[in-house]
Amino acid sequence: MTLKQKLFAVPALLLGLVAAAHAELPAAVATTVNGVKADGQAMFDLVFPVIGFMLGLAIVIKLFKRFTNKV
């Protein structure tokens, strides 16, 4: 086996081991991960409008300061 073949064999072996380990996870883990993903999406849905409002407010304040300093 050449060095080039060995270098390509190591990542392939690791990917195979990862796939095998992932296939053996119990169903409770998948349920938990899906619950965490749903909670994360719910938090993002709640926080994103607030962040957008704060960013818009900061832009309006900066523009107001810029135009009032020119007067």
C-alpha atoms as a PDB file:
ATOM      1  CA  MET A   1       0.000   0.000   0.000  1.00  0.00           C
ATOM      2  CA  THR A   2       1.462   3.346  -1.014  1.00  0.00           C
ATOM      3  CA  LEU A   3       1.545   6.456   1.118  1.00  0.00           C
ATOM      4  CA  LYS A   4      -1.118   8.081  -1.052  1.00  0.00           C
ATOM      5  CA  GLN A   5      -3.467   5.140  -0.540  1.00  0.00           C
ATOM      6  CA  LYS A   6      -2.875   5.234   3.208  1.00  0.00           C
ATOM      7  CA  LEU A   7      -3.643   8.962   3.353  1.00  0.00           C
ATOM      8  CA  PHE A   8      -6.979   8.375   1.621  1.00  0.00           C
ATOM      9  CA  ALA A   9      -7.799   5.256   3.635  1.00  0.00           C
ATOM     10  CA  VAL A  10      -7.648   6.992   7.040  1.00  0.00           C
ATOM     11  CA  PRO A  11     -10.448   9.552   6.401  1.00  0.00           C
ATOM     12  CA  ALA A  12     -12.571   6.875   4.702  1.00  0.00           C
ATOM     13  CA  LEU A  13     -12.177   4.610   7.726  1.00  0.00           C
ATOM     14  CA  LEU A  14     -13.051   7.442  10.123  1.00  0.00           C
ATOM     15  CA  LEU A  15     -16.145   8.360   8.114  1.00  0.00           C
ATOM     16  CA  GLY A  16     -17.232   4.736   8.157  1.00  0.00           C
ATOM     17  CA  LEU A  17     -16.831   4.559  11.927  1.00  0.00           C
ATOM     18  CA  VAL A  18     -18.788   7.766  12.416  1.00  0.00           C
ATOM     19  CA  ALA A  19     -21.624   6.496  10.233  1.00  0.00           C
ATOM     20  CA  ALA A  20     -21.717   3.211  12.143  1.00  0.00           C
ATOM     21  CA  ALA A  21     -21.764   4.984  15.508  1.00  0.00           C
ATOM     22  CA  HIS A  22     -24.521   7.325  14.343  1.00  0.00           C
ATOM     23  CA  ALA A  23     -26.670   4.424  13.165  1.00  0.00           C
ATOM     24  CA  GLU A  24     -26.601   2.814  16.602  1.00  0.00           C
ATOM     25  CA  LEU A  25     -27.976   5.793  18.549  1.00  0.00           C
ATOM     26  CA  PRO A  26     -31.193   5.082  20.413  1.00  0.00           C
ATOM     27  CA  ALA A  27     -34.450   6.704  19.308  1.00  0.00           C
ATOM     28  CA  ALA A  28     -34.543   8.789  22.513  1.00  0.00           C
ATOM     29  CA  VAL A  29     -31.445  10.673  21.367  1.00  0.00           C
ATOM     30  CA  ALA A  30     -33.088  11.592  18.062  1.00  0.00           C
ATOM     31  CA  THR A  31     -36.192  12.766  19.915  1.00  0.00           C
ATOM     32  CA  THR A  32     -34.085  14.888  22.265  1.00  0.00           C
ATOM     33  CA  VAL A  33     -32.094  16.426  19.415  1.00  0.00           C
ATOM     34  CA  ASN A  34     -35.298  17.260  17.529  1.00  0.00           C
ATOM     35  CA  GLY A  35     -36.703  18.870  20.690  1.00  0.00           C
ATOM     36  CA  VAL A  36     -33.571  20.996  21.098  1.00  0.00           C
ATOM     37  CA  LYS A  37     -33.759  22.047  17.440  1.00  0.00           C
ATOM     38  CA  ALA A  38     -37.411  23.033  17.844  1.00  0.00           C
ATOM     39  CA  ASP A  39     -36.648  25.022  21.004  1.00  0.00           C
ATOM     40  CA  GLY A  40     -33.755  26.784  19.268  1.00  0.00           C
ATOM     41  CA  GLN A  41     -35.969  27.716  16.329  1.00  0.00           C
ATOM     42  CA  ALA A  42     -38.655  29.001  18.701  1.00  0.00           C
ATOM     43  CA  MET A  43     -36.115  31.184  20.535  1.00  0.00           C
ATOM     44  CA  PHE A  44     -34.806  32.516  17.214  1.00  0.00           C
ATOM     45  CA  ASP A  45     -38.359  33.350  16.142  1.00  0.00           C
ATOM     46  CA  LEU A  46     -38.873  35.329  19.355  1.00  0.00           C
ATOM     47  CA  VAL A  47     -35.522  37.134  19.437  1.00  0.00           C
ATOM     48  CA  PHE A  48     -35.035  38.014  15.759  1.00  0.00           C
ATOM     49  CA  PRO A  49     -37.775  40.692  15.575  1.00  0.00           C
ATOM     50  CA  VAL A  50     -36.353  42.368  18.694  1.00  0.00           C
ATOM     51  CA  ILE A  51     -32.839  42.390  17.228  1.00  0.00           C
ATOM     52  CA  GLY A  52     -34.186  43.799  13.956  1.00  0.00           C
ATOM     53  CA  PHE A  53     -36.037  46.534  15.821  1.00  0.00           C
ATOM     54  CA  MET A  54     -32.956  47.460  17.871  1.00  0.00           C
ATOM     55  CA  LEU A  55     -30.774  47.560  14.744  1.00  0.00           C
ATOM     56  CA  GLY A  56     -33.304  49.764  12.952  1.00  0.00           C
ATOM     57  CA  LEU A  57     -33.538  52.050  15.986  1.00  0.00           C
ATOM     58  CA  ALA A  58     -29.749  52.376  16.133  1.00  0.00           C
ATOM     59  CA  ILE A  59     -29.646  53.308  12.436  1.00  0.00           C
ATOM     60  CA  VAL A  60     -32.392  55.918  12.888  1.00  0.00           C
ATOM     61  CA  ILE A  61     -30.593  57.432  15.898  1.00  0.00           C
ATOM     62  CA  LYS A  62     -27.287  57.626  13.978  1.00  0.00           C
ATOM     63  CA  LEU A  63     -28.981  59.260  10.993  1.00  0.00           C
ATOM     64  CA  PHE A  64     -30.769  61.710  13.291  1.00  0.00           C
ATOM     65  CA  LYS A  65     -27.478  62.663  14.955  1.00  0.00           C
ATOM     66  CA  ARG A  66     -25.744  63.028  11.594  1.00  0.00           C
ATOM     67  CA  PHE A  67     -28.419  65.353  10.166  1.00  0.00           C
ATOM     68  CA  THR A  68     -28.847  67.429  13.349  1.00  0.00           C
ATOM     69  CA  ASN A  69     -25.071  68.070  13.543  1.00  0.00           C
ATOM     70  CA  LYS A  70     -25.143  69.529  10.008  1.00  0.00           C
ATOM     71  CA  VAL A  71     -27.835  72.064  10.910  1.00  0.00           C
END
